[in-house]
Every structure is written in C-alpha cells, then in structure tokens.
Amino acid sequence: MFLGAGLTVKFVMIMLLGISLTSWYIVFQKFSLYKQARIESEEFLEAFWQSKNLSEALRFANNLSLCPEANIFRTGYHELQKLGKTTSGSRSADETLETRLAGMEPLKRALRKAENLESTRLSQSLPFLATAGSTAPFIGLFGTVWGIMTSFHEIGMRGSASLAVVAPGVSEALVVTAAGLAVAIPAVVFYNYYSNQMAEIESRMHSFSVDFLNLVERDFISRQG
C-alpha cells in the first residue's frame, strides 16, 4: 500500500514515522531521567537532613548530577560562601539584624535562578511531544485529503466510478489519517503524564529552596544572638 501510494502521501508517511520515532525516543529518555532524578532526590534529601553541616551535605551533593535539589543546593552553597566573604568584610557596628537579613537577597535570587535552570533542563524536549500531539492528526489529514483528490482525479481520467477503482485510493488515503492518530495519541498521553511529573518535581524543588533558605536564616539569627 505504501509503495503504491503517490509521492506526496509517501512523504507524509515518512514525516509521521520520523515524528513518531522522535516522540518515542523522548518518552523513554524522560522516563529514565525522571526515574533516576527521583531516586537521587530521595537519597540527597535524606543525607541533607542527616548532615552535621553544609560542607558535609555538599560532599554528598557533588556525587549527584541528576538530582535537581542537589544542583540547587550547590548553587546556594557557593552563593552563601560569596555572601559570607562580602558581609564579613563590610559589617558595621550599627548594622541591624534586618539589614543583614536583607543582604541575603542575592542568595534568594540565586536559588530562584537555579530552580528555573533545573526546570528548563528537566522539561527540555517536552514541547516536542505537545507539538507532535497537536500537528500529527493534521499532517495525516493532509495526506488523506491529497490521496482522495488523487483518487478522484484517476476516476475522472478513467471515466469509471466503480468500487474497484475508488476503494484502493481511498483506503490508502485513510491509512495516513490512522497513522497521524497513532502518532498523536501516545504523544499527548505522555506529554500530560510528564507535565504532571514536572509539576511535582518543581514543587519539591521549591520546597527544598524554602527549607534551605529558612535553615540558613535561622543559623544566621542564632549566631547573631
């Protein structure tokens, strides 16, 4: 059926095949990535809350490259080191606690930036699934319309409208629509699934950033007291 189709229909089928292969590659790649990230996140959070100090947590975080919380913590730790050097050199006697806490704003910005970077890294390629899910049916429909136009053209050339003349061309055209749906349905399903996964990951990242910032501020206040 594919070999007997016209050049345009063949091109549409090859395009749908390429979109399908790319979509399934993204599906399996994201499944492996999110699974490993979830495992590393559980390990890091357990080690983080059991660590005696931030340096010990940093040593553990350096071994986890896929954990978003570990990457956020490393960014926050290095920014905290810079902040400590800056405040130690410019601290005055009449500086209030509120003023010193306000000086931690660079740390907050660094944590927010790290969250955005991790969200971008983990959600990369997901828009392709959304694009495939929305465009594949229309690509298949285009191939179907073109195939039916070709069939009617052949009917006009032969001067016969019998079922034997019409059926092969119409069936070939409808296969393209089925192929478009076969590409689109899994893409939409997995896009929605991984979007929910990303929402959970982003929620955990934000919760960790808030906990880390509160921990730093409490330690800062206790040292000032």
N, C-alpha and C. Protein backbone atom coordinates (compact mmCIF):
# COMPACT_ATOMS: atom_id res chain seq x y z
N MET A 1 0.82 -1.20 0.00
CA MET A 1 0.00 0.00 0.00
C MET A 1 0.86 1.26 0.00
N PHE A 2 1.95 1.23 0.77
CA PHE A 2 2.85 2.38 0.82
C PHE A 2 3.56 2.58 -0.51
N LEU A 3 4.03 1.46 -1.10
CA LEU A 3 4.75 1.55 -2.37
C LEU A 3 3.86 2.02 -3.50
N GLY A 4 2.57 1.69 -3.40
CA GLY A 4 1.65 2.09 -4.46
C GLY A 4 1.10 3.49 -4.29
N ALA A 5 1.40 4.13 -3.17
CA ALA A 5 0.88 5.48 -2.93
C ALA A 5 1.67 6.50 -3.72
N GLY A 6 1.10 7.70 -3.81
CA GLY A 6 1.77 8.78 -4.52
C GLY A 6 2.93 9.35 -3.74
N LEU A 7 3.69 10.21 -4.41
CA LEU A 7 4.89 10.78 -3.80
C LEU A 7 4.54 11.62 -2.58
N THR A 8 3.46 12.40 -2.66
CA THR A 8 3.07 13.26 -1.53
C THR A 8 2.66 12.43 -0.32
N VAL A 9 1.88 11.38 -0.54
CA VAL A 9 1.45 10.52 0.56
C VAL A 9 2.64 9.80 1.17
N LYS A 10 3.58 9.37 0.34
CA LYS A 10 4.79 8.73 0.87
C LYS A 10 5.58 9.71 1.75
N PHE A 11 5.68 10.96 1.28
CA PHE A 11 6.40 11.97 2.07
C PHE A 11 5.72 12.20 3.41
N VAL A 12 4.39 12.25 3.42
CA VAL A 12 3.66 12.44 4.66
C VAL A 12 3.87 11.27 5.60
N MET A 13 3.85 10.06 5.08
CA MET A 13 4.06 8.87 5.91
C MET A 13 5.46 8.84 6.51
N ILE A 14 6.46 9.21 5.70
CA ILE A 14 7.84 9.24 6.21
C ILE A 14 7.98 10.32 7.28
N MET A 15 7.30 11.46 7.09
CA MET A 15 7.34 12.52 8.08
C MET A 15 6.71 12.05 9.39
N LEU A 16 5.58 11.38 9.30
CA LEU A 16 4.92 10.87 10.51
C LEU A 16 5.78 9.81 11.19
N LEU A 17 6.48 9.00 10.41
CA LEU A 17 7.38 8.00 11.00
C LEU A 17 8.51 8.67 11.76
N GLY A 18 9.08 9.74 11.19
CA GLY A 18 10.14 10.47 11.88
C GLY A 18 9.64 11.11 13.17
N ILE A 19 8.45 11.71 13.12
CA ILE A 19 7.88 12.31 14.33
C ILE A 19 7.63 11.24 15.39
N SER A 20 7.14 10.09 14.96
CA SER A 20 6.85 9.02 15.91
C SER A 20 8.12 8.51 16.59
N LEU A 21 9.16 8.27 15.80
CA LEU A 21 10.42 7.78 16.37
C LEU A 21 11.02 8.79 17.35
N THR A 22 10.96 10.06 16.98
CA THR A 22 11.48 11.10 17.87
C THR A 22 10.67 11.16 19.16
N SER A 23 9.35 11.06 19.04
CA SER A 23 8.49 11.12 20.22
C SER A 23 8.77 9.96 21.17
N TRP A 24 8.90 8.76 20.63
CA TRP A 24 9.16 7.60 21.49
C TRP A 24 10.55 7.67 22.11
N TYR A 25 11.52 8.25 21.39
CA TYR A 25 12.84 8.45 21.99
C TYR A 25 12.74 9.38 23.19
N ILE A 26 11.99 10.47 23.04
CA ILE A 26 11.81 11.41 24.15
C ILE A 26 11.09 10.74 25.31
N VAL A 27 10.08 9.93 25.00
CA VAL A 27 9.32 9.23 26.06
C VAL A 27 10.24 8.36 26.91
N PHE A 28 11.04 7.53 26.27
CA PHE A 28 11.92 6.64 27.02
C PHE A 28 13.06 7.41 27.71
N GLN A 29 13.56 8.46 27.05
CA GLN A 29 14.62 9.25 27.65
C GLN A 29 14.13 9.95 28.91
N LYS A 30 12.92 10.52 28.87
CA LYS A 30 12.36 11.20 30.03
C LYS A 30 12.01 10.21 31.14
N PHE A 31 11.56 9.03 30.76
CA PHE A 31 11.26 8.02 31.78
C PHE A 31 12.51 7.67 32.57
N SER A 32 13.63 7.46 31.87
CA SER A 32 14.88 7.13 32.55
C SER A 32 15.38 8.32 33.37
N LEU A 33 15.29 9.52 32.81
CA LEU A 33 15.78 10.72 33.50
C LEU A 33 15.00 10.99 34.78
N TYR A 34 13.68 10.95 34.70
CA TYR A 34 12.85 11.27 35.87
C TYR A 34 12.98 10.18 36.94
N LYS A 35 13.13 8.96 36.50
CA LYS A 35 13.29 7.88 37.48
C LYS A 35 14.59 8.04 38.25
N GLN A 36 15.69 8.31 37.53
CA GLN A 36 16.98 8.48 38.20
C GLN A 36 16.99 9.74 39.06
N ALA A 37 16.35 10.81 38.56
CA ALA A 37 16.29 12.05 39.34
C ALA A 37 15.50 11.84 40.64
N ARG A 38 14.44 11.06 40.57
CA ARG A 38 13.65 10.80 41.77
C ARG A 38 14.44 9.98 42.79
N ILE A 39 15.18 9.00 42.31
CA ILE A 39 16.00 8.16 43.20
C ILE A 39 17.08 9.01 43.87
N GLU A 40 17.77 9.83 43.07
CA GLU A 40 18.83 10.67 43.63
C GLU A 40 18.26 11.73 44.58
N SER A 41 17.07 12.23 44.29
CA SER A 41 16.45 13.23 45.17
C SER A 41 16.16 12.63 46.54
N GLU A 42 15.64 11.42 46.56
CA GLU A 42 15.37 10.77 47.85
C GLU A 42 16.66 10.55 48.63
N GLU A 43 17.71 10.14 47.93
CA GLU A 43 19.00 9.92 48.61
C GLU A 43 19.56 11.23 49.14
N PHE A 44 19.49 12.28 48.33
CA PHE A 44 20.08 13.55 48.75
C PHE A 44 19.32 14.17 49.93
N LEU A 45 17.99 14.18 49.85
CA LEU A 45 17.22 14.80 50.92
C LEU A 45 17.44 14.08 52.24
N GLU A 46 17.54 12.76 52.19
CA GLU A 46 17.81 12.01 53.42
C GLU A 46 19.19 12.35 53.97
N ALA A 47 20.19 12.42 53.07
CA ALA A 47 21.54 12.75 53.51
C ALA A 47 21.65 14.19 53.96
N PHE A 48 20.90 15.10 53.31
CA PHE A 48 20.97 16.51 53.65
C PHE A 48 20.49 16.75 55.08
N TRP A 49 19.37 16.17 55.45
CA TRP A 49 18.82 16.42 56.79
C TRP A 49 19.57 15.66 57.87
N GLN A 50 20.37 14.69 57.46
CA GLN A 50 21.18 13.96 58.45
C GLN A 50 22.60 14.52 58.56
N SER A 51 22.95 15.44 57.66
CA SER A 51 24.31 16.01 57.68
C SER A 51 24.48 16.93 58.88
N LYS A 52 25.70 16.94 59.42
CA LYS A 52 26.00 17.79 60.57
C LYS A 52 26.20 19.24 60.17
N ASN A 53 26.66 19.48 58.95
CA ASN A 53 26.87 20.84 58.47
C ASN A 53 26.70 20.85 56.95
N LEU A 54 26.74 22.06 56.38
CA LEU A 54 26.53 22.21 54.95
C LEU A 54 27.68 21.64 54.13
N SER A 55 28.87 21.68 54.67
CA SER A 55 30.02 21.13 53.94
C SER A 55 29.87 19.63 53.74
N GLU A 56 29.37 18.94 54.75
CA GLU A 56 29.15 17.50 54.62
C GLU A 56 28.07 17.22 53.58
N ALA A 57 27.01 18.03 53.57
CA ALA A 57 25.96 17.86 52.57
C ALA A 57 26.49 18.16 51.17
N LEU A 58 27.41 19.11 51.06
CA LEU A 58 27.99 19.43 49.76
C LEU A 58 28.77 18.27 49.19
N ARG A 59 29.53 17.58 50.02
CA ARG A 59 30.30 16.43 49.54
C ARG A 59 29.36 15.36 48.97
N PHE A 60 28.22 15.17 49.58
CA PHE A 60 27.28 14.19 49.07
C PHE A 60 26.60 14.69 47.79
N ALA A 61 26.30 16.00 47.76
CA ALA A 61 25.62 16.57 46.59
C ALA A 61 26.50 16.54 45.35
N ASN A 62 27.82 16.62 45.52
CA ASN A 62 28.72 16.62 44.37
C ASN A 62 28.69 15.31 43.61
N ASN A 63 28.21 14.25 44.23
CA ASN A 63 28.14 12.94 43.57
C ASN A 63 26.82 12.70 42.85
N LEU A 64 25.91 13.68 42.91
CA LEU A 64 24.58 13.52 42.32
C LEU A 64 24.38 14.59 41.26
N SER A 65 24.53 14.21 40.01
CA SER A 65 24.44 15.19 38.92
C SER A 65 23.03 15.37 38.39
N LEU A 66 22.16 14.38 38.59
CA LEU A 66 20.80 14.46 38.04
C LEU A 66 19.78 14.95 39.06
N CYS A 67 20.18 15.03 40.32
CA CYS A 67 19.24 15.45 41.36
C CYS A 67 19.04 16.96 41.30
N PRO A 68 17.82 17.43 41.06
CA PRO A 68 17.60 18.89 40.99
C PRO A 68 17.86 19.58 42.32
N GLU A 69 17.48 18.94 43.44
CA GLU A 69 17.71 19.57 44.75
C GLU A 69 19.20 19.69 45.04
N ALA A 70 20.00 18.70 44.62
CA ALA A 70 21.44 18.77 44.83
C ALA A 70 22.06 19.91 44.02
N ASN A 71 21.59 20.09 42.80
CA ASN A 71 22.11 21.18 41.97
C ASN A 71 21.72 22.54 42.55
N ILE A 72 20.50 22.64 43.06
CA ILE A 72 20.08 23.89 43.69
C ILE A 72 20.91 24.15 44.95
N PHE A 73 21.16 23.10 45.72
CA PHE A 73 21.94 23.27 46.95
C PHE A 73 23.36 23.72 46.64
N ARG A 74 23.97 23.15 45.61
CA ARG A 74 25.34 23.57 45.26
C ARG A 74 25.38 25.04 44.87
N THR A 75 24.39 25.47 44.11
CA THR A 75 24.33 26.89 43.74
C THR A 75 24.16 27.76 44.97
N GLY A 76 23.23 27.37 45.85
CA GLY A 76 23.02 28.14 47.07
C GLY A 76 24.22 28.14 47.99
N TYR A 77 24.91 27.02 48.08
CA TYR A 77 26.08 26.93 48.95
C TYR A 77 27.19 27.87 48.47
N HIS A 78 27.47 27.86 47.18
CA HIS A 78 28.53 28.72 46.64
C HIS A 78 28.15 30.19 46.78
N GLU A 79 26.86 30.51 46.58
CA GLU A 79 26.43 31.89 46.76
C GLU A 79 26.52 32.30 48.22
N LEU A 80 26.26 31.36 49.12
CA LEU A 80 26.37 31.64 50.55
C LEU A 80 27.81 31.90 50.94
N GLN A 81 28.73 31.18 50.30
CA GLN A 81 30.15 31.42 50.57
C GLN A 81 30.55 32.82 50.13
N LYS A 82 30.08 33.23 48.96
CA LYS A 82 30.38 34.59 48.49
C LYS A 82 29.76 35.63 49.41
N LEU A 83 28.55 35.37 49.86
CA LEU A 83 27.85 36.30 50.74
C LEU A 83 28.57 36.43 52.07
N GLY A 84 29.09 35.31 52.58
CA GLY A 84 29.81 35.35 53.84
C GLY A 84 31.08 36.17 53.75
N LYS A 85 31.78 36.05 52.63
CA LYS A 85 33.00 36.85 52.46
C LYS A 85 32.68 38.33 52.34
N THR A 86 31.58 38.64 51.68
CA THR A 86 31.21 40.05 51.49
C THR A 86 30.78 40.70 52.80
N THR A 87 29.92 40.00 53.55
CA THR A 87 29.41 40.58 54.80
C THR A 87 30.48 40.66 55.87
N SER A 88 31.40 39.73 55.88
CA SER A 88 32.46 39.76 56.90
C SER A 88 33.40 40.94 56.69
N GLY A 89 33.52 41.38 55.43
CA GLY A 89 34.42 42.49 55.16
C GLY A 89 33.77 43.85 55.25
N SER A 90 32.42 43.89 55.24
CA SER A 90 31.73 45.18 55.23
C SER A 90 30.76 45.34 56.39
N ARG A 91 30.88 44.55 57.44
CA ARG A 91 29.95 44.62 58.56
C ARG A 91 30.30 45.80 59.45
N SER A 92 29.28 46.59 59.81
CA SER A 92 29.48 47.74 60.68
C SER A 92 28.80 47.50 62.01
N ALA A 93 29.17 48.32 62.99
CA ALA A 93 28.66 48.10 64.34
C ALA A 93 27.19 48.45 64.45
N ASP A 94 26.72 49.46 63.72
CA ASP A 94 25.34 49.88 63.84
C ASP A 94 24.41 49.18 62.85
N GLU A 95 24.89 48.12 62.21
CA GLU A 95 24.06 47.38 61.25
C GLU A 95 23.06 46.52 62.02
N THR A 96 21.79 46.63 61.68
CA THR A 96 20.74 45.88 62.37
C THR A 96 20.61 44.49 61.78
N LEU A 97 19.89 43.62 62.51
CA LEU A 97 19.67 42.26 62.04
C LEU A 97 18.84 42.25 60.76
N GLU A 98 17.84 43.15 60.70
CA GLU A 98 17.01 43.21 59.50
C GLU A 98 17.83 43.60 58.28
N THR A 99 18.77 44.50 58.48
CA THR A 99 19.63 44.92 57.37
C THR A 99 20.50 43.77 56.89
N ARG A 100 21.01 43.00 57.83
CA ARG A 100 21.86 41.86 57.45
C ARG A 100 21.06 40.77 56.76
N LEU A 101 19.82 40.55 57.22
CA LEU A 101 18.97 39.56 56.57
C LEU A 101 18.59 40.02 55.17
N ALA A 102 18.37 41.32 55.01
CA ALA A 102 18.07 41.85 53.69
C ALA A 102 19.25 41.67 52.74
N GLY A 103 20.45 41.59 53.29
CA GLY A 103 21.63 41.36 52.46
C GLY A 103 21.70 39.97 51.88
N MET A 104 20.79 39.08 52.32
CA MET A 104 20.76 37.72 51.78
C MET A 104 19.92 37.62 50.52
N GLU A 105 19.47 38.74 50.01
CA GLU A 105 18.65 38.74 48.79
C GLU A 105 19.38 38.09 47.60
N PRO A 106 20.71 38.27 47.46
CA PRO A 106 21.39 37.55 46.36
C PRO A 106 21.25 36.04 46.46
N LEU A 107 21.22 35.51 47.68
CA LEU A 107 21.03 34.08 47.85
C LEU A 107 19.66 33.65 47.37
N LYS A 108 18.64 34.44 47.68
CA LYS A 108 17.28 34.12 47.23
C LYS A 108 17.20 34.13 45.71
N ARG A 109 17.83 35.13 45.09
CA ARG A 109 17.81 35.21 43.63
C ARG A 109 18.56 34.04 43.02
N ALA A 110 19.67 33.65 43.64
CA ALA A 110 20.44 32.52 43.12
C ALA A 110 19.63 31.23 43.19
N LEU A 111 18.88 31.04 44.27
CA LEU A 111 18.06 29.84 44.40
C LEU A 111 16.93 29.84 43.37
N ARG A 112 16.31 30.99 43.15
CA ARG A 112 15.25 31.06 42.15
C ARG A 112 15.80 30.79 40.74
N LYS A 113 16.97 31.33 40.47
CA LYS A 113 17.59 31.09 39.16
C LYS A 113 17.93 29.62 38.99
N ALA A 114 18.44 28.98 40.05
CA ALA A 114 18.76 27.56 39.98
C ALA A 114 17.51 26.72 39.76
N GLU A 115 16.40 27.10 40.40
CA GLU A 115 15.14 26.40 40.16
C GLU A 115 14.72 26.49 38.70
N ASN A 116 14.82 27.68 38.13
CA ASN A 116 14.44 27.86 36.73
C ASN A 116 15.33 27.06 35.79
N LEU A 117 16.63 27.03 36.09
CA LEU A 117 17.55 26.27 35.25
C LEU A 117 17.25 24.78 35.32
N GLU A 118 16.94 24.28 36.51
CA GLU A 118 16.62 22.86 36.64
C GLU A 118 15.29 22.53 35.95
N SER A 119 14.32 23.42 36.05
CA SER A 119 13.05 23.20 35.37
C SER A 119 13.25 23.15 33.86
N THR A 120 14.08 24.05 33.35
CA THR A 120 14.37 24.07 31.92
C THR A 120 15.09 22.81 31.49
N ARG A 121 16.04 22.37 32.30
CA ARG A 121 16.81 21.16 31.95
C ARG A 121 15.93 19.93 31.93
N LEU A 122 15.07 19.78 32.93
CA LEU A 122 14.25 18.58 33.04
C LEU A 122 13.08 18.57 32.06
N SER A 123 12.59 19.74 31.69
CA SER A 123 11.45 19.80 30.77
C SER A 123 11.87 19.93 29.32
N GLN A 124 13.15 19.91 29.07
CA GLN A 124 13.63 20.03 27.69
C GLN A 124 13.08 18.89 26.83
N SER A 125 12.66 19.21 25.62
CA SER A 125 12.10 18.27 24.63
C SER A 125 10.63 17.94 24.87
N LEU A 126 10.08 18.27 26.03
CA LEU A 126 8.66 18.01 26.26
C LEU A 126 7.76 18.79 25.30
N PRO A 127 8.09 20.04 24.95
CA PRO A 127 7.25 20.73 23.97
C PRO A 127 7.13 20.01 22.64
N PHE A 128 8.14 19.19 22.29
CA PHE A 128 8.04 18.44 21.04
C PHE A 128 6.88 17.47 21.09
N LEU A 129 6.65 16.84 22.25
CA LEU A 129 5.52 15.91 22.39
C LEU A 129 4.20 16.66 22.21
N ALA A 130 4.12 17.85 22.78
CA ALA A 130 2.90 18.64 22.62
C ALA A 130 2.69 19.02 21.15
N THR A 131 3.78 19.40 20.48
CA THR A 131 3.68 19.75 19.06
C THR A 131 3.28 18.56 18.22
N ALA A 132 3.88 17.40 18.52
CA ALA A 132 3.53 16.19 17.77
C ALA A 132 2.07 15.82 17.99
N GLY A 133 1.60 15.94 19.22
CA GLY A 133 0.22 15.59 19.51
C GLY A 133 -0.79 16.49 18.83
N SER A 134 -0.43 17.74 18.63
CA SER A 134 -1.37 18.70 18.03
C SER A 134 -1.29 18.74 16.51
N THR A 135 -0.12 18.44 15.95
CA THR A 135 0.05 18.58 14.49
C THR A 135 -0.05 17.27 13.72
N ALA A 136 0.28 16.14 14.35
CA ALA A 136 0.28 14.86 13.63
C ALA A 136 -1.08 14.53 13.01
N PRO A 137 -2.22 14.73 13.71
CA PRO A 137 -3.51 14.44 13.05
C PRO A 137 -3.74 15.30 11.81
N PHE A 138 -3.30 16.55 11.84
CA PHE A 138 -3.50 17.43 10.69
C PHE A 138 -2.57 17.04 9.54
N ILE A 139 -1.36 16.59 9.89
CA ILE A 139 -0.46 16.10 8.84
C ILE A 139 -1.06 14.86 8.18
N GLY A 140 -1.59 13.95 9.01
CA GLY A 140 -2.26 12.77 8.45
C GLY A 140 -3.48 13.14 7.63
N LEU A 141 -4.24 14.12 8.10
CA LEU A 141 -5.43 14.56 7.35
C LEU A 141 -5.03 15.17 6.01
N PHE A 142 -3.93 15.89 5.99
CA PHE A 142 -3.45 16.44 4.72
C PHE A 142 -3.15 15.31 3.74
N GLY A 143 -2.46 14.27 4.23
CA GLY A 143 -2.17 13.13 3.36
C GLY A 143 -3.43 12.45 2.87
N THR A 144 -4.44 12.37 3.74
CA THR A 144 -5.71 11.74 3.36
C THR A 144 -6.42 12.55 2.28
N VAL A 145 -6.51 13.87 2.50
CA VAL A 145 -7.17 14.73 1.51
C VAL A 145 -6.45 14.66 0.17
N TRP A 146 -5.13 14.65 0.23
CA TRP A 146 -4.37 14.58 -1.02
C TRP A 146 -4.60 13.24 -1.70
N GLY A 147 -4.64 12.17 -0.94
CA GLY A 147 -4.87 10.85 -1.54
C GLY A 147 -6.26 10.76 -2.16
N ILE A 148 -7.27 11.31 -1.51
CA ILE A 148 -8.63 11.27 -2.06
C ILE A 148 -8.71 12.13 -3.32
N MET A 149 -8.03 13.29 -3.31
CA MET A 149 -8.00 14.11 -4.53
C MET A 149 -7.38 13.34 -5.68
N THR A 150 -6.31 12.60 -5.40
CA THR A 150 -5.67 11.80 -6.44
C THR A 150 -6.60 10.72 -6.94
N SER A 151 -7.36 10.10 -6.02
CA SER A 151 -8.29 9.04 -6.42
C SER A 151 -9.38 9.58 -7.33
N PHE A 152 -9.93 10.73 -6.99
CA PHE A 152 -10.97 11.32 -7.83
C PHE A 152 -10.40 11.76 -9.18
N HIS A 153 -9.15 12.18 -9.17
CA HIS A 153 -8.52 12.53 -10.43
C HIS A 153 -8.41 11.30 -11.33
N GLU A 154 -8.04 10.18 -10.75
CA GLU A 154 -7.94 8.95 -11.53
C GLU A 154 -9.31 8.51 -12.03
N ILE A 155 -10.35 8.73 -11.20
CA ILE A 155 -11.70 8.40 -11.63
C ILE A 155 -12.07 9.21 -12.87
N GLY A 156 -11.74 10.50 -12.83
CA GLY A 156 -12.03 11.35 -13.98
C GLY A 156 -11.25 10.94 -15.21
N MET A 157 -9.99 10.51 -15.01
CA MET A 157 -9.18 10.11 -16.15
C MET A 157 -9.71 8.83 -16.77
N ARG A 158 -10.17 7.87 -15.94
CA ARG A 158 -10.65 6.59 -16.44
C ARG A 158 -12.11 6.65 -16.88
N GLY A 159 -12.82 7.60 -16.35
CA GLY A 159 -14.22 7.69 -16.69
C GLY A 159 -15.06 6.63 -16.04
N SER A 160 -14.56 6.03 -14.95
CA SER A 160 -15.30 4.99 -14.25
C SER A 160 -15.27 5.29 -12.76
N ALA A 161 -16.41 5.07 -12.09
CA ALA A 161 -16.53 5.31 -10.65
C ALA A 161 -16.89 4.04 -9.91
N SER A 162 -16.44 2.91 -10.39
CA SER A 162 -16.74 1.64 -9.75
C SER A 162 -15.97 1.51 -8.45
N LEU A 163 -16.44 0.59 -7.59
CA LEU A 163 -15.79 0.39 -6.29
C LEU A 163 -14.36 -0.09 -6.46
N ALA A 164 -14.10 -0.84 -7.46
CA ALA A 164 -12.75 -1.35 -7.70
C ALA A 164 -11.77 -0.23 -8.01
N VAL A 165 -12.28 0.85 -8.57
CA VAL A 165 -11.41 1.98 -8.89
C VAL A 165 -11.23 2.91 -7.70
N VAL A 166 -12.34 3.13 -6.96
CA VAL A 166 -12.31 4.11 -5.87
C VAL A 166 -11.69 3.55 -4.60
N ALA A 167 -12.00 2.32 -4.24
CA ALA A 167 -11.64 1.75 -2.94
C ALA A 167 -10.14 1.75 -2.66
N PRO A 168 -9.25 1.31 -3.58
CA PRO A 168 -7.82 1.28 -3.25
C PRO A 168 -7.26 2.65 -2.88
N GLY A 169 -7.61 3.68 -3.66
CA GLY A 169 -7.08 5.01 -3.36
C GLY A 169 -7.60 5.57 -2.06
N VAL A 170 -8.91 5.35 -1.79
CA VAL A 170 -9.49 5.86 -0.54
C VAL A 170 -8.89 5.15 0.66
N SER A 171 -8.71 3.83 0.56
CA SER A 171 -8.13 3.08 1.70
C SER A 171 -6.70 3.53 1.98
N GLU A 172 -5.93 3.77 0.92
CA GLU A 172 -4.57 4.27 1.12
C GLU A 172 -4.58 5.63 1.80
N ALA A 173 -5.52 6.48 1.41
CA ALA A 173 -5.60 7.81 1.99
C ALA A 173 -6.00 7.75 3.46
N LEU A 174 -6.94 6.86 3.80
CA LEU A 174 -7.39 6.77 5.18
C LEU A 174 -6.31 6.20 6.10
N VAL A 175 -5.42 5.40 5.56
CA VAL A 175 -4.32 4.87 6.36
C VAL A 175 -3.44 6.01 6.89
N VAL A 176 -3.30 7.07 6.12
CA VAL A 176 -2.48 8.20 6.55
C VAL A 176 -3.12 8.88 7.76
N THR A 177 -4.44 9.02 7.76
CA THR A 177 -5.11 9.59 8.93
C THR A 177 -4.92 8.70 10.15
N ALA A 178 -5.04 7.39 9.96
CA ALA A 178 -4.81 6.47 11.08
C ALA A 178 -3.39 6.58 11.60
N ALA A 179 -2.43 6.74 10.69
CA ALA A 179 -1.03 6.90 11.12
C ALA A 179 -0.86 8.18 11.92
N GLY A 180 -1.51 9.26 11.48
CA GLY A 180 -1.42 10.52 12.23
C GLY A 180 -1.98 10.40 13.62
N LEU A 181 -3.09 9.70 13.77
CA LEU A 181 -3.67 9.48 15.10
C LEU A 181 -2.78 8.58 15.94
N ALA A 182 -2.16 7.58 15.31
CA ALA A 182 -1.27 6.68 16.04
C ALA A 182 -0.05 7.41 16.59
N VAL A 183 0.37 8.45 15.88
CA VAL A 183 1.50 9.26 16.36
C VAL A 183 1.04 10.23 17.45
N ALA A 184 -0.14 10.83 17.26
CA ALA A 184 -0.58 11.91 18.14
C ALA A 184 -1.04 11.40 19.50
N ILE A 185 -1.77 10.31 19.55
CA ILE A 185 -2.37 9.86 20.81
C ILE A 185 -1.31 9.55 21.87
N PRO A 186 -0.27 8.71 21.57
CA PRO A 186 0.76 8.49 22.60
C PRO A 186 1.49 9.77 22.99
N ALA A 187 1.72 10.66 22.02
CA ALA A 187 2.44 11.90 22.33
C ALA A 187 1.66 12.75 23.32
N VAL A 188 0.34 12.86 23.13
CA VAL A 188 -0.48 13.66 24.04
C VAL A 188 -0.53 13.01 25.42
N VAL A 189 -0.70 11.69 25.45
CA VAL A 189 -0.79 10.98 26.73
C VAL A 189 0.48 11.16 27.55
N PHE A 190 1.63 10.95 26.92
CA PHE A 190 2.89 11.06 27.67
C PHE A 190 3.25 12.50 27.97
N TYR A 191 2.84 13.44 27.12
CA TYR A 191 3.08 14.84 27.44
C TYR A 191 2.33 15.23 28.71
N ASN A 192 1.07 14.83 28.82
CA ASN A 192 0.30 15.14 30.03
C ASN A 192 0.89 14.44 31.25
N TYR A 193 1.33 13.20 31.06
CA TYR A 193 1.92 12.46 32.18
C TYR A 193 3.20 13.12 32.67
N TYR A 194 4.09 13.47 31.75
CA TYR A 194 5.35 14.08 32.15
C TYR A 194 5.17 15.51 32.62
N SER A 195 4.13 16.19 32.15
CA SER A 195 3.84 17.53 32.68
C SER A 195 3.46 17.45 34.14
N ASN A 196 2.68 16.42 34.50
CA ASN A 196 2.36 16.22 35.92
C ASN A 196 3.60 15.87 36.73
N GLN A 197 4.48 15.06 36.13
CA GLN A 197 5.74 14.73 36.80
C GLN A 197 6.57 15.99 37.03
N MET A 198 6.62 16.87 36.04
CA MET A 198 7.38 18.11 36.17
C MET A 198 6.78 19.01 37.25
N ALA A 199 5.45 19.04 37.34
CA ALA A 199 4.81 19.86 38.37
C ALA A 199 5.21 19.37 39.76
N GLU A 200 5.28 18.06 39.95
CA GLU A 200 5.70 17.51 41.24
C GLU A 200 7.17 17.82 41.52
N ILE A 201 8.01 17.70 40.49
CA ILE A 201 9.44 17.99 40.67
C ILE A 201 9.65 19.45 41.02
N GLU A 202 8.96 20.35 40.33
CA GLU A 202 9.08 21.78 40.61
C GLU A 202 8.59 22.11 42.01
N SER A 203 7.54 21.43 42.45
CA SER A 203 7.04 21.65 43.81
C SER A 203 8.07 21.21 44.84
N ARG A 204 8.72 20.07 44.61
CA ARG A 204 9.75 19.59 45.54
C ARG A 204 10.96 20.52 45.53
N MET A 205 11.34 21.01 44.36
CA MET A 205 12.47 21.93 44.28
C MET A 205 12.18 23.21 45.05
N HIS A 206 10.98 23.75 44.87
CA HIS A 206 10.64 24.98 45.58
C HIS A 206 10.59 24.76 47.09
N SER A 207 10.05 23.62 47.51
CA SER A 207 10.00 23.32 48.94
C SER A 207 11.40 23.21 49.53
N PHE A 208 12.31 22.57 48.79
CA PHE A 208 13.68 22.46 49.28
C PHE A 208 14.35 23.82 49.35
N SER A 209 14.12 24.67 48.35
CA SER A 209 14.73 26.01 48.35
C SER A 209 14.26 26.80 49.57
N VAL A 210 12.96 26.71 49.87
CA VAL A 210 12.42 27.41 51.02
C VAL A 210 13.02 26.85 52.31
N ASP A 211 13.10 25.54 52.43
CA ASP A 211 13.67 24.92 53.63
C ASP A 211 15.14 25.29 53.80
N PHE A 212 15.87 25.28 52.69
CA PHE A 212 17.29 25.62 52.76
C PHE A 212 17.47 27.08 53.17
N LEU A 213 16.67 27.96 52.62
CA LEU A 213 16.77 29.38 52.97
C LEU A 213 16.38 29.62 54.43
N ASN A 214 15.34 28.95 54.90
CA ASN A 214 14.94 29.09 56.31
C ASN A 214 16.03 28.57 57.23
N LEU A 215 16.67 27.47 56.83
CA LEU A 215 17.75 26.91 57.64
C LEU A 215 18.92 27.88 57.74
N VAL A 216 19.27 28.51 56.65
CA VAL A 216 20.37 29.47 56.64
C VAL A 216 20.03 30.69 57.49
N GLU A 217 18.79 31.18 57.37
CA GLU A 217 18.40 32.37 58.14
C GLU A 217 18.34 32.07 59.63
N ARG A 218 17.85 30.89 60.00
CA ARG A 218 17.81 30.54 61.44
C ARG A 218 19.21 30.42 62.00
N ASP A 219 20.12 29.83 61.21
CA ASP A 219 21.50 29.72 61.67
C ASP A 219 22.15 31.10 61.78
N PHE A 220 21.82 31.98 60.86
CA PHE A 220 22.37 33.33 60.89
C PHE A 220 21.86 34.09 62.12
N ILE A 221 20.55 33.96 62.41
CA ILE A 221 19.99 34.65 63.56
C ILE A 221 20.57 34.11 64.86
N SER A 222 20.73 32.80 64.95
CA SER A 222 21.27 32.21 66.17
C SER A 222 22.71 32.65 66.41
N ARG A 223 23.48 32.80 65.35
CA ARG A 223 24.87 33.25 65.51
C ARG A 223 24.93 34.72 65.91
N GLN A 224 23.96 35.50 65.40
CA GLN A 224 23.92 36.91 65.79
C GLN A 224 23.50 37.10 67.25
N GLY A 225 22.61 36.19 67.69
CA GLY A 225 22.19 36.29 69.10
C GLY A 225 23.27 35.83 70.04
